Amino acid sequence: MISTSNRISRKEEVDELFAQLGRVLEHKIEALLIGGAAMLEQGLKDSTKDIDIVCRTVGDMETMIASASALGFQIIGPQKRHERLGINRLAVKGGHNLDIFANRISYDFGLSESIWHRAIKSRSFGLLEIRDASPEDIFVMKLIANRPGDGRDCAVLFSTVLDFDEVYQEIEAQYRRAGEVEQTIWITYIEEGIGRLEENFNLEMPLGDRVSELADDYRERLYQKLSRSQAGK
């Protein structure tokens, strides 16, 4: 049975939940495991409270939420710690949170094909296929999220010798996509996260200057858009 404690300390507990979901799903769903549960699976974290998964479509997210409800999870709205994240509902049971995303992780930062294919492991649980996100992609998502403990987790991920060229390529590719400038505010979250890591954990981020250039570009573009809007009134 799933533990009733507030934290999950064994990856088998996460796998048991996925097995239960896989048995009640209406159709096959593919999802990416991110966050603390993915770090637990990879031996990089001792315990986690949140199980974060990213579905590939909104329809799959809705099916996953319905299946979690059928398993006795209470479906509630996001909490303050989710304010930077693209999540509108989470499933709670026994002190555990199942946070279910639909492609969009924060504003227009989403589950790209490169993130999907960079996943380091794939596992099947009945109709549910789970891929474990790479340490590089978990690192970026935790920089964005800024939830309690995310800074500590980023410091642990940093120690695994991340491929920072790959990290930056993903950040830049998502930032450069055409779209509304407001939707790229997540680049400033990454900049803030890097600053906190450097200050609180005495780490030197190889990609810090390049991310700051993108964040400066975001602020300039936003300023220009707001200026044009004011001029048109």
Protein backbone atom coordinates (compact mmCIF):
# COMPACT_ATOMS: atom_id res chain seq x y z
CA MET A 1 0.00 0.00 0.00
CA ILE A 2 1.04 3.63 -0.49
CA SER A 3 2.58 5.01 2.69
CA THR A 4 0.41 7.38 4.71
CA SER A 5 3.41 9.43 5.89
CA ASN A 6 3.87 12.91 4.46
CA ARG A 7 6.92 12.00 2.42
CA ILE A 8 7.79 9.18 0.06
CA SER A 9 11.20 7.69 0.75
CA ARG A 10 11.15 4.65 -1.55
CA LYS A 11 10.87 4.72 -5.32
CA GLU A 12 8.75 1.56 -5.04
CA GLU A 13 5.99 3.69 -3.52
CA VAL A 14 5.96 5.91 -6.61
CA ASP A 15 5.95 2.84 -8.86
CA GLU A 16 3.00 1.39 -6.92
CA LEU A 17 0.98 4.55 -7.53
CA PHE A 18 1.80 4.42 -11.23
CA ALA A 19 0.79 0.75 -11.33
CA GLN A 20 -2.57 1.65 -9.75
CA LEU A 21 -3.09 4.46 -12.27
CA GLY A 22 -2.11 2.18 -15.15
CA ARG A 23 -4.80 -0.29 -14.15
CA VAL A 24 -7.65 2.25 -14.12
CA LEU A 25 -6.72 4.42 -17.13
CA GLU A 26 -9.15 4.40 -20.05
CA HIS A 27 -6.42 4.47 -22.70
CA LYS A 28 -2.65 4.51 -23.01
CA ILE A 29 -0.96 7.65 -21.70
CA GLU A 30 2.65 8.74 -21.96
CA ALA A 31 3.99 11.09 -19.29
CA LEU A 32 7.29 12.50 -18.09
CA LEU A 33 8.29 12.18 -14.43
CA ILE A 34 10.02 15.34 -13.22
CA GLY A 35 10.95 16.91 -9.89
CA GLY A 36 11.74 15.16 -6.62
CA ALA A 37 10.19 11.81 -7.58
CA ALA A 38 12.47 11.62 -10.62
CA MET A 39 15.46 12.46 -8.41
CA LEU A 40 14.36 9.74 -5.96
CA GLU A 41 14.23 7.27 -8.86
CA GLN A 42 17.76 8.27 -9.88
CA GLY A 43 19.17 8.00 -6.35
CA LEU A 44 19.69 11.78 -6.04
CA LYS A 45 17.15 12.45 -3.26
CA ASP A 46 16.15 10.62 -0.08
CA SER A 47 12.47 11.53 -0.04
CA THR A 48 9.82 13.64 -1.74
CA LYS A 49 6.28 14.84 -1.10
CA ASP A 50 5.35 15.83 -4.64
CA ILE A 51 5.08 13.48 -7.60
CA ASP A 52 5.23 15.73 -10.67
CA ILE A 53 4.27 14.31 -14.05
CA VAL A 54 3.86 16.06 -17.39
CA CYS A 55 1.29 14.61 -19.79
CA ARG A 56 1.68 15.25 -23.50
CA THR A 57 -1.84 16.57 -24.06
CA VAL A 58 -4.64 18.28 -22.13
CA GLY A 59 -6.87 15.28 -22.81
CA ASP A 60 -4.34 12.94 -21.23
CA MET A 61 -4.11 15.23 -18.20
CA GLU A 62 -7.89 15.15 -17.79
CA THR A 63 -7.90 11.36 -18.02
CA MET A 64 -5.08 11.13 -15.47
CA ILE A 65 -6.94 13.42 -13.05
CA ALA A 66 -10.13 11.35 -13.41
CA SER A 67 -8.15 8.17 -12.77
CA ALA A 68 -6.50 9.66 -9.67
CA SER A 69 -9.95 10.63 -8.41
CA ALA A 70 -11.14 7.05 -8.94
CA LEU A 71 -8.27 5.92 -6.72
CA GLY A 72 -9.48 8.13 -3.88
CA PHE A 73 -7.36 11.20 -4.49
CA GLN A 74 -8.96 14.56 -3.70
CA ILE A 75 -8.71 16.97 -6.63
CA ILE A 76 -7.95 20.52 -5.50
CA GLY A 77 -6.69 23.77 -6.96
CA PRO A 78 -3.03 24.79 -7.01
CA GLN A 79 -1.36 26.27 -3.94
CA LYS A 80 0.82 29.35 -3.60
CA ARG A 81 3.97 27.29 -4.17
CA HIS A 82 2.64 26.43 -7.64
CA GLU A 83 2.19 30.06 -8.73
CA ARG A 84 4.99 29.91 -11.31
CA LEU A 85 3.86 26.59 -12.70
CA GLY A 86 1.33 25.71 -15.38
CA ILE A 87 -0.84 23.54 -13.20
CA ASN A 88 -4.52 24.14 -12.44
CA ARG A 89 -5.32 21.06 -10.36
CA LEU A 90 -3.49 18.54 -8.23
CA ALA A 91 -4.47 15.27 -6.63
CA VAL A 92 -3.90 14.81 -2.89
CA LYS A 93 -4.10 11.64 -0.81
CA GLY A 94 -2.43 10.66 2.45
CA GLY A 95 -0.31 13.81 2.48
CA HIS A 96 1.07 13.10 -1.00
CA ASN A 97 0.64 15.45 -3.93
CA LEU A 98 0.29 14.23 -7.50
CA ASP A 99 0.92 17.33 -9.62
CA ILE A 100 -0.27 16.74 -13.18
CA PHE A 101 0.79 19.06 -15.99
CA ALA A 102 -0.46 19.14 -19.58
CA ASN A 103 2.64 19.90 -21.68
CA ARG A 104 2.92 23.46 -20.33
CA ILE A 105 5.25 23.63 -17.33
CA SER A 106 5.52 27.39 -16.77
CA TYR A 107 3.87 29.93 -19.08
CA ASP A 108 5.08 28.84 -22.56
CA PHE A 109 7.98 26.72 -21.28
CA GLY A 110 6.74 23.24 -22.06
CA LEU A 111 7.47 19.59 -22.71
CA SER A 112 9.50 19.85 -25.92
CA GLU A 113 10.37 16.88 -28.09
CA SER A 114 14.01 17.27 -27.05
CA ILE A 115 13.08 17.02 -23.36
CA TRP A 116 10.91 13.99 -24.11
CA HIS A 117 13.63 12.19 -26.05
CA ARG A 118 16.34 13.17 -23.57
CA ALA A 119 14.54 11.20 -20.84
CA ILE A 120 16.92 8.64 -19.40
CA LYS A 121 14.55 5.74 -18.75
CA SER A 122 11.15 4.45 -19.86
CA ARG A 123 8.89 2.21 -17.78
CA SER A 124 5.45 0.77 -18.43
CA PHE A 125 2.68 0.33 -15.84
CA GLY A 126 -0.29 -1.17 -17.65
CA LEU A 127 -1.65 1.62 -19.84
CA LEU A 128 0.73 4.18 -18.35
CA GLU A 129 4.17 4.77 -19.83
CA ILE A 130 6.48 6.85 -17.66
CA ARG A 131 9.73 8.39 -18.77
CA ASP A 132 12.18 9.79 -16.21
CA ALA A 133 13.40 13.28 -17.10
CA SER A 134 17.13 13.85 -17.48
CA PRO A 135 19.01 15.59 -14.65
CA GLU A 136 19.56 18.55 -16.98
CA ASP A 137 15.85 19.06 -17.54
CA ILE A 138 14.94 18.52 -13.88
CA PHE A 139 17.51 21.21 -13.06
CA VAL A 140 15.87 23.77 -15.36
CA MET A 141 12.37 23.00 -14.12
CA LYS A 142 13.43 23.36 -10.49
CA LEU A 143 15.13 26.68 -11.23
CA ILE A 144 11.79 27.87 -12.60
CA ALA A 145 9.56 26.43 -9.86
CA ASN A 146 11.32 27.93 -6.83
CA ARG A 147 9.38 25.75 -4.38
CA PRO A 148 10.73 25.02 -0.89
CA GLY A 149 13.70 22.69 -1.29
CA ASP A 150 14.18 23.31 -5.03
CA GLY A 151 17.40 25.26 -4.44
CA ARG A 152 18.86 22.39 -2.44
CA ASP A 153 17.83 19.94 -5.16
CA CYS A 154 19.46 22.11 -7.83
CA ALA A 155 22.69 22.09 -5.84
CA VAL A 156 22.57 18.29 -5.74
CA LEU A 157 21.89 18.13 -9.48
CA PHE A 158 24.76 20.54 -10.09
CA SER A 159 27.11 18.09 -8.38
CA THR A 160 26.21 15.36 -10.92
CA VAL A 161 28.23 17.21 -13.58
CA LEU A 162 25.43 18.44 -15.81
CA ASP A 163 25.86 19.14 -19.51
CA PHE A 164 25.35 22.91 -19.29
CA ASP A 165 25.61 23.38 -23.06
CA GLU A 166 22.58 21.09 -23.38
CA VAL A 167 20.81 22.95 -20.57
CA TYR A 168 21.32 26.30 -22.28
CA GLN A 169 20.33 24.98 -25.72
CA GLU A 170 16.96 23.91 -24.31
CA ILE A 171 16.44 27.23 -22.53
CA GLU A 172 17.36 29.29 -25.59
CA ALA A 173 15.32 27.17 -28.02
CA GLN A 174 12.20 27.58 -25.89
CA TYR A 175 12.84 31.28 -25.35
CA ARG A 176 13.35 32.02 -29.06
CA ARG A 177 10.04 30.50 -30.15
CA ALA A 178 7.61 33.02 -31.54
CA GLY A 179 4.86 33.97 -29.12
CA GLU A 180 3.63 36.58 -26.68
CA VAL A 181 6.50 38.24 -24.85
CA GLU A 182 4.68 37.98 -21.50
CA GLN A 183 4.72 34.21 -21.81
CA THR A 184 8.52 34.12 -21.62
CA ILE A 185 8.67 35.56 -18.10
CA TRP A 186 9.99 32.17 -16.99
CA ILE A 187 13.44 33.21 -18.25
CA THR A 188 13.61 35.67 -15.35
CA TYR A 189 12.73 32.84 -12.94
CA ILE A 190 15.72 30.88 -14.24
CA GLU A 191 17.93 33.95 -13.84
CA GLU A 192 16.70 34.37 -10.24
CA GLY A 193 17.24 30.68 -9.52
CA ILE A 194 20.82 30.83 -10.76
CA GLY A 195 21.44 33.89 -8.58
CA ARG A 196 20.12 32.08 -5.51
CA LEU A 197 22.29 29.05 -6.20
CA GLU A 198 25.40 31.17 -6.57
CA GLU A 199 24.66 33.12 -3.40
CA ASN A 200 23.28 30.40 -1.12
CA PHE A 201 25.42 27.46 -2.21
CA ASN A 202 28.57 29.24 -3.40
CA LEU A 203 28.25 27.76 -6.89
CA GLU A 204 29.41 29.28 -10.14
CA MET A 205 26.95 28.67 -12.95
CA PRO A 206 28.60 28.25 -16.37
CA LEU A 207 25.47 29.50 -18.15
CA GLY A 208 24.67 32.43 -15.84
CA ASP A 209 25.79 35.24 -18.15
CA ARG A 210 24.03 33.77 -21.19
CA VAL A 211 20.76 33.37 -19.27
CA SER A 212 21.03 36.96 -18.01
CA GLU A 213 21.37 38.14 -21.62
CA LEU A 214 18.11 36.39 -22.49
CA ALA A 215 16.44 37.84 -19.38
CA ASP A 216 17.63 41.33 -20.36
CA ASP A 217 16.23 40.75 -23.84
CA TYR A 218 12.87 39.75 -22.30
CA ARG A 219 12.75 42.91 -20.19
CA GLU A 220 13.61 45.10 -23.18
CA ARG A 221 10.97 43.47 -25.38
CA LEU A 222 8.37 43.79 -22.63
CA TYR A 223 9.26 47.45 -22.12
CA GLN A 224 8.94 48.15 -25.85
CA LYS A 225 5.57 46.44 -26.02
CA LEU A 226 4.25 48.37 -23.04
CA SER A 227 5.58 51.62 -24.49
CA ARG A 228 3.83 50.99 -27.80
CA SER A 229 0.63 50.19 -25.96
CA GLN A 230 0.77 53.43 -23.99
CA ALA A 231 1.57 55.43 -27.11
CA GLY A 232 -1.49 54.02 -28.86
CA LYS A 233 -3.90 55.25 -26.18
